[in-house]
Protein backbone atom coordinates (compact mmCIF):
# COMPACT_ATOMS: atom_id res chain seq x y z
CA MET A 1 -0.08 0.00 -0.05
CA GLY A 2 2.89 2.26 0.80
CA THR A 3 4.41 1.74 -2.68
CA GLU A 4 1.23 2.96 -4.24
CA ARG A 5 1.18 6.26 -2.66
CA LYS A 6 4.01 8.10 -4.31
CA ARG A 7 3.07 11.50 -2.89
CA LYS A 8 0.45 11.98 -0.06
CA VAL A 9 -1.72 14.96 -1.16
CA SER A 10 -3.21 16.96 1.80
CA LEU A 11 -7.02 16.82 2.13
CA PHE A 12 -7.43 20.48 1.67
CA ASP A 13 -5.12 22.32 -0.54
CA VAL A 14 -6.02 26.01 -0.27
CA VAL A 15 -4.48 27.73 -3.08
CA ASP A 16 -4.72 31.31 -4.27
CA GLU A 17 -7.61 31.25 -6.94
CA THR A 18 -5.46 33.32 -9.32
CA SER A 19 -2.57 30.94 -9.44
CA VAL A 20 -4.99 28.10 -10.12
CA ALA A 21 -6.42 30.13 -13.02
CA VAL A 22 -2.90 30.92 -14.27
CA ALA A 23 -1.66 27.50 -13.95
CA ALA A 24 -4.60 25.95 -15.73
CA ALA A 25 -4.43 28.53 -18.52
CA ALA A 26 -0.70 27.84 -19.11
CA GLY A 27 -1.30 24.05 -19.02
CA LYS A 28 -4.17 24.28 -21.61
CA LEU A 29 -2.48 26.78 -23.90
CA SER A 30 0.61 24.54 -24.01
CA LYS A 31 -1.80 21.59 -25.04
CA MET A 32 -4.17 23.49 -27.36
CA ASN A 33 -3.48 26.29 -29.67
CA GLY A 34 -6.09 28.97 -28.95
CA ALA A 35 -7.76 30.58 -26.04
CA ALA A 36 -11.28 29.69 -27.21
CA SER A 37 -10.99 26.18 -25.82
CA LEU A 38 -9.88 27.51 -22.44
CA ILE A 39 -12.74 30.04 -22.20
CA GLN A 40 -15.11 27.30 -23.11
CA ASN A 41 -13.60 25.09 -20.55
CA LEU A 42 -13.87 27.64 -17.77
CA ASN A 43 -17.48 27.91 -18.53
CA LEU A 44 -18.00 24.20 -18.05
CA ASN A 45 -19.59 22.93 -14.79
CA ARG A 46 -16.90 20.64 -13.13
CA TRP A 47 -19.74 18.56 -11.53
CA ASN A 48 -21.67 17.52 -14.56
CA GLY A 49 -19.61 18.62 -17.49
CA ARG A 50 -22.37 20.90 -18.83
CA THR A 51 -22.16 24.51 -19.73
CA TYR A 52 -23.10 26.94 -16.94
CA SER A 53 -26.57 28.60 -17.46
CA GLN A 54 -27.21 32.27 -17.26
CA ARG A 55 -29.11 31.71 -14.04
CA TYR A 56 -26.02 30.26 -12.45
CA HIS A 57 -24.07 33.43 -13.15
CA ASP A 58 -26.98 35.60 -11.79
CA ILE A 59 -27.10 33.64 -8.62
CA LEU A 60 -23.28 33.75 -8.23
CA GLU A 61 -23.41 37.53 -8.17
CA LYS A 62 -25.98 37.29 -5.22
CA ARG A 63 -23.84 34.62 -3.37
CA LYS A 64 -21.00 37.00 -3.34
CA THR A 65 -22.98 39.63 -1.43
CA LEU A 66 -23.52 37.08 1.51
CA PRO A 67 -21.38 37.81 4.72
CA VAL A 68 -19.97 34.24 4.65
CA TRP A 69 -18.55 34.83 1.25
CA GLN A 70 -16.22 37.50 2.53
CA GLN A 71 -14.48 34.94 4.83
CA LYS A 72 -14.27 32.11 2.42
CA ASP A 73 -10.19 32.03 2.26
CA GLU A 74 -10.16 32.26 6.08
CA PHE A 75 -12.51 29.41 6.50
CA LEU A 76 -10.69 27.18 4.02
CA GLN A 77 -7.33 28.05 5.81
CA ALA A 78 -8.82 27.21 9.19
CA LEU A 79 -10.29 23.87 7.90
CA HIS A 80 -7.14 22.87 6.14
CA ALA A 81 -5.09 23.41 9.41
CA ASN A 82 -7.63 21.68 11.73
CA GLN A 83 -9.75 18.53 11.88
CA THR A 84 -12.58 20.07 13.53
CA LEU A 85 -13.79 23.67 13.30
CA ILE A 86 -16.67 25.56 15.24
CA LEU A 87 -18.39 28.19 13.04
CA VAL A 88 -20.85 30.59 14.49
CA GLY A 89 -22.89 32.41 11.87
CA GLU A 90 -26.04 34.67 12.45
CA THR A 91 -29.09 33.54 10.72
CA GLY A 92 -29.04 34.91 7.16
CA SER A 93 -25.19 34.94 6.95
CA GLY A 94 -25.41 32.15 4.37
CA LYS A 95 -23.52 29.40 6.30
CA THR A 96 -26.05 26.65 5.48
CA THR A 97 -26.00 27.02 1.69
CA GLN A 98 -22.23 28.25 1.07
CA ILE A 99 -20.11 26.51 3.52
CA PRO A 100 -20.79 23.04 1.95
CA GLN A 101 -20.05 24.51 -1.48
CA PHE A 102 -16.73 26.03 -0.27
CA VAL A 103 -15.84 22.64 1.25
CA LEU A 104 -16.57 20.88 -2.15
CA GLU A 105 -14.37 23.35 -4.03
CA ALA A 106 -11.48 22.69 -1.78
CA ILE A 107 -11.41 18.79 -1.41
CA GLU A 108 -10.65 15.76 -3.73
CA LEU A 109 -13.62 13.51 -3.43
CA ASP A 110 -12.24 10.58 -5.65
CA ASP A 111 -10.58 8.34 -3.33
CA LYS A 112 -8.56 5.29 -4.64
CA ARG A 113 -11.09 2.97 -3.51
CA LYS A 114 -14.46 4.79 -3.98
CA LYS A 115 -16.11 8.27 -4.47
CA MET A 116 -16.85 10.11 -1.14
CA MET A 117 -19.31 12.80 -0.14
CA VAL A 118 -19.79 15.84 1.86
CA ALA A 119 -22.70 15.55 4.44
CA CYS A 120 -24.62 18.46 6.00
CA THR A 121 -27.06 17.60 8.69
CA GLN A 122 -30.29 19.59 9.57
CA PRO A 123 -32.49 19.02 12.54
CA ARG A 124 -35.53 19.31 10.56
CA ARG A 125 -36.79 17.61 7.35
CA VAL A 126 -38.24 20.86 5.90
CA ALA A 127 -34.92 22.63 6.01
CA ALA A 128 -32.97 19.55 4.54
CA MET A 129 -35.33 19.55 1.55
CA SER A 130 -35.63 23.24 0.76
CA VAL A 131 -31.95 23.84 1.40
CA SER A 132 -30.78 21.01 -0.96
CA HIS A 133 -33.17 22.40 -3.61
CA ARG A 134 -31.53 25.97 -3.38
CA VAL A 135 -27.94 24.60 -3.35
CA ALA A 136 -28.61 22.34 -6.55
CA GLU A 137 -29.79 25.59 -8.24
CA GLU A 138 -26.81 27.62 -7.13
CA MET A 139 -24.41 24.74 -8.28
CA ASP A 140 -26.43 24.59 -11.52
CA VAL A 141 -26.79 20.81 -11.08
CA THR A 142 -30.00 18.53 -10.79
CA ILE A 143 -31.61 17.73 -7.46
CA GLY A 144 -31.19 14.00 -6.70
CA GLU A 145 -27.92 13.76 -8.65
CA GLU A 146 -24.98 15.77 -7.75
CA VAL A 147 -26.86 17.29 -4.77
CA GLY A 148 -29.30 15.16 -2.86
CA TYR A 149 -31.10 14.90 0.40
CA SER A 150 -32.10 12.02 2.67
CA ILE A 151 -35.10 12.48 5.14
CA ARG A 152 -37.46 9.94 6.70
CA PHE A 153 -39.53 8.19 4.10
CA GLU A 154 -37.63 9.76 1.31
CA ASP A 155 -34.00 9.53 -0.20
CA ARG A 156 -33.28 11.68 -3.09
CA SER A 157 -29.64 10.81 -3.68
CA SER A 158 -27.74 8.74 -6.20
CA ALA A 159 -24.28 7.16 -7.13
CA LYS A 160 -23.43 10.72 -8.52
CA THR A 161 -24.22 12.50 -5.26
CA ILE A 162 -21.25 14.63 -3.91
CA LEU A 163 -23.22 16.74 -1.43
CA LYS A 164 -25.94 15.22 0.75
CA TYR A 165 -28.25 17.23 3.09
CA LEU A 166 -29.88 14.92 5.60
CA THR A 167 -31.56 14.97 8.96
CA ASP A 168 -29.41 14.23 11.92
CA GLY A 169 -31.46 11.17 12.67
CA MET A 170 -30.69 9.75 9.02
CA LEU A 171 -26.95 10.27 9.57
CA LEU A 172 -27.26 8.45 12.91
CA ARG A 173 -29.07 5.37 11.15
CA GLU A 174 -26.44 5.37 8.50
CA ALA A 175 -23.78 5.07 11.39
CA MET A 176 -25.50 1.83 12.40
CA THR A 177 -24.44 0.15 9.17
CA ASP A 178 -21.17 2.00 8.62
CA PRO A 179 -19.82 2.93 12.11
CA LEU A 180 -16.85 4.96 10.79
CA LEU A 181 -18.95 6.74 8.22
CA GLU A 182 -16.58 5.95 5.41
CA ASN A 183 -18.76 7.30 2.66
CA TYR A 184 -18.03 10.90 3.92
CA LYS A 185 -14.80 13.04 3.62
CA VAL A 186 -16.40 16.15 5.48
CA ILE A 187 -19.30 16.14 7.84
CA ILE A 188 -21.01 19.49 8.66
CA LEU A 189 -23.44 19.56 11.72
CA ASP A 190 -25.58 22.64 11.05
CA GLU A 191 -27.97 24.13 13.60
CA ALA A 192 -26.02 22.54 16.38
CA HIS A 193 -27.53 25.13 18.78
CA GLU A 194 -30.77 23.30 18.61
CA ARG A 195 -29.35 20.38 20.62
CA THR A 196 -31.70 17.67 19.24
CA LEU A 197 -31.36 14.35 20.66
CA ALA A 198 -29.78 12.86 17.46
CA THR A 199 -27.33 15.87 17.26
CA ASP A 200 -26.06 15.25 20.96
CA VAL A 201 -25.64 11.54 20.12
CA LEU A 202 -23.71 12.42 16.85
CA PHE A 203 -21.53 14.71 18.88
CA GLY A 204 -20.23 11.89 21.15
CA LEU A 205 -20.15 9.43 18.05
CA LEU A 206 -18.26 11.71 15.75
CA LYS A 207 -15.66 12.49 18.45
CA GLU A 208 -14.78 8.85 18.55
CA VAL A 209 -14.88 8.46 14.76
CA LEU A 210 -12.37 11.42 14.35
CA ARG A 211 -9.97 9.61 16.57
CA ASN A 212 -10.04 6.49 14.27
CA ARG A 213 -10.17 8.44 10.86
CA PRO A 214 -7.58 11.14 10.74
CA ASP A 215 -8.77 11.95 7.14
CA LEU A 216 -12.33 12.95 8.18
CA LYS A 217 -13.17 16.60 8.68
CA LEU A 218 -15.90 17.99 11.04
CA VAL A 219 -17.55 21.43 10.94
CA VAL A 220 -19.97 22.32 13.74
CA MET A 221 -22.20 25.30 12.74
CA SER A 222 -24.38 27.20 15.25
CA ALA A 223 -26.32 30.43 15.12
CA THR A 224 -25.90 31.17 18.81
CA LEU A 225 -22.87 31.98 21.02
CA GLU A 226 -23.16 28.80 22.95
CA ALA A 227 -20.27 27.75 20.63
CA GLU A 228 -17.73 28.19 23.38
CA LYS A 229 -19.21 25.21 24.98
CA PHE A 230 -18.93 23.28 21.68
CA GLN A 231 -15.33 24.41 21.54
CA ALA A 232 -14.54 23.15 25.09
CA TYR A 233 -16.23 19.78 24.17
CA PHE A 234 -14.27 19.24 21.12
CA SER A 235 -10.81 19.76 22.74
CA GLY A 236 -10.30 23.32 21.88
CA ALA A 237 -11.19 23.33 18.30
CA PRO A 238 -10.90 26.76 16.70
CA LEU A 239 -13.83 29.13 16.60
CA MET A 240 -14.58 31.21 13.65
CA LYS A 241 -17.30 33.85 13.71
CA VAL A 242 -19.39 35.17 10.58
CA PRO A 243 -21.45 38.41 11.05
CA GLY A 244 -25.06 38.26 9.96
CA ARG A 245 -26.44 40.83 7.62
CA LEU A 246 -28.87 42.41 10.17
CA PHE A 247 -30.52 45.81 10.17
CA PRO A 248 -31.58 47.33 13.54
CA VAL A 249 -34.83 45.77 14.96
CA GLU A 250 -36.91 47.79 17.39
CA ILE A 251 -38.46 45.67 20.12
CA PHE A 252 -41.83 46.11 21.70
CA TYR A 253 -43.22 44.55 24.90
CA THR A 254 -46.80 44.38 26.19
CA GLN A 255 -47.36 46.35 29.38
CA GLU A 256 -49.42 43.48 30.92
CA PRO A 257 -49.29 39.83 30.35
CA GLU A 258 -51.62 38.49 27.62
CA ARG A 259 -54.53 36.33 28.62
CA ASP A 260 -54.84 34.54 25.26
CA TYR A 261 -51.68 34.71 23.04
CA LEU A 262 -53.39 33.47 20.02
CA GLU A 263 -55.97 36.26 20.11
CA ALA A 264 -53.35 38.76 20.78
CA ALA A 265 -51.15 37.67 17.85
CA ILE A 266 -54.10 37.97 15.44
CA ARG A 267 -55.07 41.28 16.80
CA THR A 268 -51.36 42.44 16.31
CA VAL A 269 -51.30 41.37 12.81
CA VAL A 270 -54.52 43.23 11.94
CA GLN A 271 -53.04 46.47 13.64
CA ILE A 272 -49.76 46.04 11.76
CA HIS A 273 -51.48 45.62 8.40
CA MET A 274 -53.61 48.64 8.94
CA CYS A 275 -51.24 51.11 10.47
CA GLU A 276 -47.51 50.11 9.53
CA PRO A 277 -45.61 50.73 6.27
CA PRO A 278 -45.24 47.96 3.62
CA GLY A 279 -43.32 44.78 4.80
CA ASP A 280 -44.11 41.09 5.50
CA ILE A 281 -45.10 39.71 8.68
CA LEU A 282 -43.91 36.46 10.45
CA VAL A 283 -45.91 35.18 13.26
CA PHE A 284 -44.69 32.48 15.55
CA LEU A 285 -47.28 29.93 16.94
CA THR A 286 -46.83 26.40 18.42
CA GLY A 287 -48.49 23.64 16.23
CA GLU A 288 -50.40 22.88 13.16
CA GLU A 289 -53.83 23.23 14.53
CA GLU A 290 -53.06 26.66 15.95
CA ILE A 291 -51.50 27.81 12.78
CA GLU A 292 -54.41 26.81 10.47
CA ASP A 293 -56.98 28.40 13.02
CA ALA A 294 -54.85 31.62 12.96
CA CYS A 295 -54.72 31.59 9.20
CA ARG A 296 -58.32 31.34 8.86
CA LYS A 297 -59.12 34.15 11.45
CA ILE A 298 -56.42 36.55 9.98
CA ALA A 299 -57.91 36.09 6.45
CA LYS A 300 -61.37 36.80 7.75
CA GLU A 301 -60.49 39.77 9.97
CA VAL A 302 -58.62 41.45 7.03
CA GLY A 303 -61.47 40.68 4.69
CA ASN A 304 -63.86 42.31 7.04
CA ILE A 305 -61.97 45.64 6.97
CA GLY A 306 -62.67 46.13 3.24
CA ASP A 307 -60.86 47.98 0.55
CA GLN A 308 -58.94 50.67 2.73
CA VAL A 309 -56.21 48.01 3.33
CA GLY A 310 -54.15 46.11 0.83
CA PRO A 311 -54.74 42.26 0.09
CA VAL A 312 -53.15 39.64 2.14
CA LYS A 313 -51.48 36.32 1.45
CA VAL A 314 -51.64 34.18 4.68
CA VAL A 315 -49.28 31.28 4.46
CA PRO A 316 -48.86 28.53 7.03
CA LEU A 317 -45.67 26.81 7.91
CA TYR A 318 -45.06 23.61 9.85
CA SER A 319 -43.11 20.32 9.37
CA THR A 320 -46.05 18.06 8.21
CA LEU A 321 -47.16 20.48 5.38
CA PRO A 322 -46.67 19.09 1.91
CA PRO A 323 -43.44 20.44 0.15
CA ALA A 324 -45.35 22.36 -2.53
CA MET A 325 -47.24 24.20 0.29
CA GLN A 326 -44.05 24.97 2.07
CA GLN A 327 -42.64 26.63 -1.03
CA LYS A 328 -45.35 29.19 -0.78
CA ILE A 329 -43.56 31.05 1.98
CA PHE A 330 -40.86 32.16 -0.58
CA GLU A 331 -43.38 33.64 -2.98
CA PRO A 332 -43.72 37.48 -3.12
CA ALA A 333 -46.49 39.52 -1.59
CA PRO A 334 -49.72 40.05 -3.59
CA PRO A 335 -50.07 43.18 -5.85
CA PRO A 336 -52.48 46.01 -4.91
CA VAL A 337 -56.17 45.22 -5.84
CA ASN A 338 -56.32 48.52 -7.88
CA GLU A 339 -53.41 50.44 -9.47
CA GLY A 340 -52.12 52.93 -7.01
CA GLY A 341 -54.15 51.12 -4.16
CA PRO A 342 -52.67 49.98 -0.86
CA PRO A 343 -49.85 47.47 -1.22
CA GLY A 344 -50.49 43.75 -0.48
CA ARG A 345 -48.66 41.98 2.33
CA LYS A 346 -47.49 38.35 2.95
CA ILE A 347 -48.20 36.94 6.34
CA VAL A 348 -46.27 33.81 7.40
CA VAL A 349 -47.67 31.91 10.39
CA SER A 350 -45.08 29.39 11.53
CA THR A 351 -43.74 27.08 14.18
CA ASN A 352 -40.28 27.69 15.50
CA ILE A 353 -38.92 26.16 12.22
CA ALA A 354 -38.68 29.71 10.87
CA GLU A 355 -36.46 30.78 13.91
CA THR A 356 -33.20 29.61 12.49
CA SER A 357 -33.74 26.64 9.94
CA LEU A 358 -35.25 28.70 7.07
CA THR A 359 -34.63 32.33 6.06
CA ILE A 360 -37.59 34.20 4.43
CA ASP A 361 -36.63 37.36 2.67
CA GLY A 362 -39.03 40.42 2.85
CA ILE A 363 -39.97 39.89 6.57
CA VAL A 364 -40.03 43.36 8.37
CA TYR A 365 -42.42 42.58 11.17
CA VAL A 366 -42.19 39.75 13.80
CA ILE A 367 -44.87 38.74 16.32
CA ASP A 368 -43.50 36.51 19.12
CA PRO A 369 -46.00 35.19 21.75
CA GLY A 370 -43.09 33.60 23.58
CA PHE A 371 -44.19 29.92 23.42
CA ALA A 372 -43.20 26.72 21.52
CA LYS A 373 -44.06 23.01 21.80
CA GLN A 374 -41.38 21.17 23.62
CA LYS A 375 -40.95 17.38 24.47
CA VAL A 376 -41.10 16.58 28.03
CA TYR A 377 -40.48 13.22 29.67
CA ASN A 378 -41.39 11.90 33.18
CA PRO A 379 -39.17 8.79 33.69
CA ARG A 380 -41.17 7.69 36.86
CA VAL A 381 -44.48 7.26 34.96
CA ARG A 382 -42.66 6.70 31.60
CA VAL A 383 -44.86 9.23 29.77
CA GLU A 384 -43.48 11.51 27.05
CA SER A 385 -45.70 14.55 25.88
CA LEU A 386 -45.43 17.59 23.86
CA LEU A 387 -46.22 20.59 26.13
CA VAL A 388 -46.54 24.38 25.02
CA SER A 389 -43.73 25.83 27.09
CA PRO A 390 -41.99 29.28 27.37
CA ILE A 391 -39.09 29.74 24.98
CA SER A 392 -35.66 30.64 25.92
CA ARG A 393 -34.06 34.13 25.74
CA ALA A 394 -31.64 32.75 22.98
CA SER A 395 -34.75 31.80 20.98
CA ALA A 396 -36.47 35.13 21.47
CA HIS A 397 -33.26 36.73 20.26
CA GLN A 398 -33.37 34.53 17.04
CA ARG A 399 -36.90 35.38 16.43
CA SER A 400 -36.40 39.10 16.64
CA GLY A 401 -33.50 38.91 14.25
CA ARG A 402 -35.80 37.73 11.53
CA ALA A 403 -37.32 41.08 11.18
CA GLY A 404 -34.05 42.91 10.29
CA ARG A 405 -32.94 40.88 7.23
CA THR A 406 -33.73 43.31 4.41
CA GLN A 407 -34.50 46.49 6.10
CA PRO A 408 -34.95 47.81 9.69
CA GLY A 409 -37.69 45.91 11.41
CA LYS A 410 -39.89 45.60 14.43
CA CYS A 411 -40.51 42.71 16.73
CA PHE A 412 -43.72 42.67 18.98
CA ARG A 413 -43.25 40.47 21.95
CA LEU A 414 -46.50 39.48 23.52
CA TYR A 415 -45.08 39.36 27.06
CA THR A 416 -43.61 41.93 29.49
CA GLU A 417 -40.00 42.93 29.49
CA ARG A 418 -39.89 41.84 33.20
CA SER A 419 -40.98 38.33 32.08
CA PHE A 420 -38.22 38.30 29.33
CA LYS A 421 -35.49 39.22 31.84
CA ASN A 422 -36.69 37.02 34.83
CA ASP A 423 -38.89 34.18 33.62
CA LEU A 424 -37.15 32.88 30.34
CA GLN A 425 -34.17 30.57 30.43
CA PRO A 426 -31.05 31.84 28.90
CA GLN A 427 -30.80 28.83 26.62
CA THR A 428 -33.11 26.04 25.35
CA TYR A 429 -32.87 22.96 27.53
CA PRO A 430 -31.20 20.13 25.41
CA GLU A 431 -33.58 17.65 24.28
CA ILE A 432 -31.48 14.75 25.59
CA LEU A 433 -32.35 15.97 29.14
CA ARG A 434 -36.07 15.93 28.56
CA SER A 435 -36.63 12.74 26.43
CA ASN A 436 -37.34 9.01 26.70
CA LEU A 437 -33.95 7.50 26.02
CA ALA A 438 -35.00 3.89 25.26
CA ASN A 439 -34.60 4.17 21.48
CA THR A 440 -31.24 6.21 21.93
CA VAL A 441 -29.82 3.46 24.24
CA LEU A 442 -30.88 0.76 21.71
CA THR A 443 -29.11 2.61 18.82
CA LEU A 444 -26.05 3.19 21.04
CA LYS A 445 -25.87 -0.58 21.77
CA LYS A 446 -26.20 -1.40 18.11
CA LEU A 447 -23.37 1.10 17.42
CA GLY A 448 -21.20 -1.16 19.86
CA ILE A 449 -21.21 1.45 22.70
CA ASP A 450 -21.85 -0.67 25.79
CA ASP A 451 -20.46 1.58 28.53
CA LEU A 452 -23.36 4.14 28.38
CA VAL A 453 -22.46 5.74 31.76
CA HIS A 454 -19.11 6.99 30.41
CA PHE A 455 -20.30 7.83 26.81
CA ASP A 456 -19.09 11.31 26.08
CA PHE A 457 -22.49 13.15 26.21
CA MET A 458 -22.07 16.91 26.05
CA ASP A 459 -24.79 17.18 28.80
CA PRO A 460 -25.16 13.69 30.36
CA PRO A 461 -28.78 12.70 30.94
CA ALA A 462 -29.97 11.86 34.58
CA PRO A 463 -28.96 8.45 35.68
CA GLU A 464 -32.49 7.73 36.60
CA THR A 465 -33.66 8.21 32.72
CA LEU A 466 -30.89 5.94 31.69
CA MET A 467 -31.80 3.25 34.22
CA ARG A 468 -35.41 3.33 33.08
CA ALA A 469 -34.48 2.95 29.37
CA LEU A 470 -32.34 0.02 30.15
CA GLU A 471 -35.20 -1.64 32.29
CA VAL A 472 -37.71 -1.12 29.38
CA LEU A 473 -35.21 -2.69 26.96
CA ASN A 474 -34.60 -5.63 29.11
CA TYR A 475 -38.25 -6.12 29.72
CA LEU A 476 -38.84 -6.03 26.03
CA GLY A 477 -36.18 -8.66 25.45
CA ALA A 478 -33.89 -6.37 23.50
CA LEU A 479 -31.22 -6.60 26.13
CA ASP A 480 -30.21 -9.54 28.32
CA ASP A 481 -29.70 -9.40 32.00
CA GLU A 482 -25.99 -8.33 31.47
CA GLY A 483 -27.06 -5.46 29.36
CA ASN A 484 -26.05 -6.92 26.11
CA LEU A 485 -27.93 -6.61 22.80
CA THR A 486 -29.86 -9.75 22.06
CA LYS A 487 -30.85 -11.13 18.70
CA LEU A 488 -34.10 -9.75 18.94
CA GLY A 489 -32.71 -6.31 20.09
CA GLU A 490 -30.62 -6.17 16.92
CA ILE A 491 -33.61 -6.67 14.66
CA MET A 492 -35.55 -4.00 16.64
CA SER A 493 -32.85 -1.49 16.32
CA GLU A 494 -33.28 -1.49 12.57
CA PHE A 495 -36.63 0.02 12.85
CA PRO A 496 -36.88 3.88 13.30
CA LEU A 497 -39.56 3.44 16.00
CA ASP A 498 -40.08 3.37 19.69
CA PRO A 499 -38.85 0.04 21.05
CA GLN A 500 -42.45 -1.12 22.07
CA MET A 501 -43.56 -0.60 18.50
CA SER A 502 -40.58 -2.31 16.79
CA LYS A 503 -41.07 -5.31 19.25
CA MET A 504 -44.73 -5.37 18.36
CA LEU A 505 -43.85 -5.48 14.55
CA VAL A 506 -41.19 -8.16 14.96
CA VAL A 507 -43.36 -10.57 16.95
CA SER A 508 -46.56 -9.91 14.96
CA PRO A 509 -46.03 -12.90 12.46
CA GLY A 510 -46.26 -15.28 15.46
CA PHE A 511 -49.86 -13.98 16.10
CA ASN A 512 -50.91 -13.76 12.44
CA CYS A 513 -51.54 -10.10 12.58
CA SER A 514 -48.63 -8.50 10.68
CA ASN A 515 -50.91 -6.65 8.16
CA GLU A 516 -52.95 -4.99 11.04
CA ILE A 517 -49.83 -4.18 13.12
CA LEU A 518 -48.14 -2.71 10.21
CA SER A 519 -51.16 -0.45 9.56
CA ILE A 520 -51.41 0.57 13.24
CA SER A 521 -47.66 1.10 13.49
CA ALA A 522 -47.65 3.44 10.37
CA MET A 523 -50.59 5.57 11.81
CA LEU A 524 -48.90 5.91 15.11
CA SER A 525 -45.75 7.12 13.39
CA VAL A 526 -47.26 10.23 11.88
CA PRO A 527 -49.27 13.10 13.39
CA ASN A 528 -52.78 12.25 14.66
CA CYS A 529 -55.21 11.81 11.76
CA PHE A 530 -58.06 13.20 13.81
CA VAL A 531 -58.38 17.06 13.97
CA ARG A 532 -60.81 18.74 16.28
CA PRO A 533 -61.10 22.53 15.16
CA ARG A 534 -62.60 24.83 17.82
CA GLU A 535 -65.42 25.88 15.55
CA ALA A 536 -66.44 22.35 14.74
CA GLN A 537 -65.76 20.29 17.81
CA LYS A 538 -69.04 18.48 17.91
CA ALA A 539 -68.91 17.50 14.21
CA ALA A 540 -65.41 16.26 14.71
CA ASP A 541 -66.40 14.17 17.75
CA GLU A 542 -69.28 12.66 15.80
CA ALA A 543 -67.13 11.82 12.82
CA LYS A 544 -64.48 10.22 15.15
CA ALA A 545 -67.25 8.25 16.89
CA GLN A 546 -68.06 6.44 13.54
CA PHE A 547 -64.72 4.78 13.83
CA GLY A 548 -64.59 4.16 17.59
CA HIS A 549 -63.69 0.57 18.70
CA ILE A 550 -64.69 -0.85 22.20
CA ASP A 551 -61.15 -2.24 22.60
CA GLY A 552 -59.34 1.20 22.35
CA ASP A 553 -57.50 3.68 20.09
CA HIS A 554 -55.32 1.34 18.16
CA LEU A 555 -58.23 -0.57 16.72
CA THR A 556 -59.96 2.70 16.19
CA LEU A 557 -56.89 3.68 14.00
CA LEU A 558 -57.20 0.37 12.19
CA ASN A 559 -60.91 1.11 11.52
CA VAL A 560 -59.96 4.51 10.06
CA TYR A 561 -57.25 2.95 7.74
CA HIS A 562 -59.57 0.28 6.43
CA ALA A 563 -62.39 2.98 5.67
CA TYR A 564 -59.66 5.21 3.94
CA LYS A 565 -58.57 2.19 1.86
CA GLN A 566 -62.31 1.38 1.01
CA ASN A 567 -63.19 4.87 0.04
CA SER A 568 -59.75 6.02 -1.22
CA GLU A 569 -60.81 9.67 -1.06
CA THR A 570 -60.64 12.33 1.67
CA LEU A 571 -63.38 11.82 4.30
CA HIS A 572 -65.27 15.15 3.80
CA GLY A 573 -62.77 17.35 5.43
CA VAL A 574 -63.55 16.37 8.83
CA MET A 575 -60.57 14.21 9.21
CA LYS A 576 -57.34 13.87 7.17
CA ILE A 577 -55.43 10.78 6.71
CA LEU A 578 -51.80 10.57 6.13
CA SER A 579 -51.15 7.05 4.89
CA THR A 580 -47.52 6.09 5.17
CA ARG A 581 -47.95 2.39 4.84
CA GLY A 582 -45.49 0.80 2.47
CA GLN A 583 -43.10 3.81 2.45
């Protein structure tokens, strides 16, 4: 093997762009007589061999205005010199779209044995999809070929893929079959400040992988200044800061606490639309039902005002929204109804997905009620639930920053200044400290990590939570009495489900009920198919009662699935079914 390698080329050769161009030109001119071939070659896309489109050149000019572009050389030099790099970039600095492309330009992906990739993880599926589409457009390549994405239920990547955006959970699942992640040359963990369960496990895992793979590089990107904590965790890795492109944002607080934040938010939207200059509005709410309710009410309220105000386009945004609907947030505001009339306005009503994961241009006003849905776990009663909880001060800062992207903006916080200073936590509590860890423990066991107590968690979970997880897995037969993974446990770990559900699936053939259990598991893996709008609660309850089963909710869900299969059409708007079976 040593004889094959005549000269070891460093992973990142950061060379002055001018010298590269001169050297390339000299080489070409010596081989071909005529500069025409050279010019034509420079206009060829190195990734697919096609000529660059005009749109590529137009987008390139916009990319050059992003704050992160100004620090391209500094970033590449830092990455060339270090195996791990921490990068803090304000939301809107361009880090999510540009950093992976900088990395691609600087590395050689063709290994002697196989082609390697760059991975960029996202905590949310919506972000992985929308960002990969944008980057494919910027690189002038086809989505699913040179640039791809991988999320639960959908993998749009191929043998040609060199840059893959994927959720942190998907990278964790890949590690189960490829513990050293040998398909990747560089891994970028984006939105690390969100501290999702999968991201925290990846931290510990990648720290170990980096020791065993000196050729692998890791970039940890965060939007908040908690990065010093990441720096200490990764043994003093260098920290690089990229400023955001922010205009000043004026912040307003309420004088008294609001009794109903939803009503207060709708009222504030209408007041802004009536009294404030043009500019789009972003409203943060906690979940799908609340968002859809708010969208209907805002459209109705503005419609009641009449022609003295401009038209509005009210757009919802949450994770279960179909991709085509999600793209509506990037559409422009509607034009005036009559020429010279009051201008239209776009109103985006979103969960905290719009806090850092997605940047929506044109937002000038932000309405922040101060709440988000958070996962909470009680290990004593073994119940995990989503509760509407106050956000952290770091989240409030991110939300207000959304208003200053294109011009000076305003943020309306629907809580008092005293509450902001005294009641909100400085940072969001990491998910690993408030989650059921049974599935995580099963994953770690599958990855060959047996000593869970000494696993290098950035924030170690409570011993009681770990013990409860081990007890549950032992009770289900996934672990033996010594805490080792059983044959059954290995099969269970292959399913991206709670251990109780994966056990149920694995043993169902012995009870001749695989078909039914598969349907129930699929329906329990997606948001509830029953909706209960405030204005139609009685009708919703009556519709649900038609499917009710005396033996409980699981068989009720089975009835719903069978009815859906028989009718194969939407059940008159009272309920919506998301069928994931067979995906």
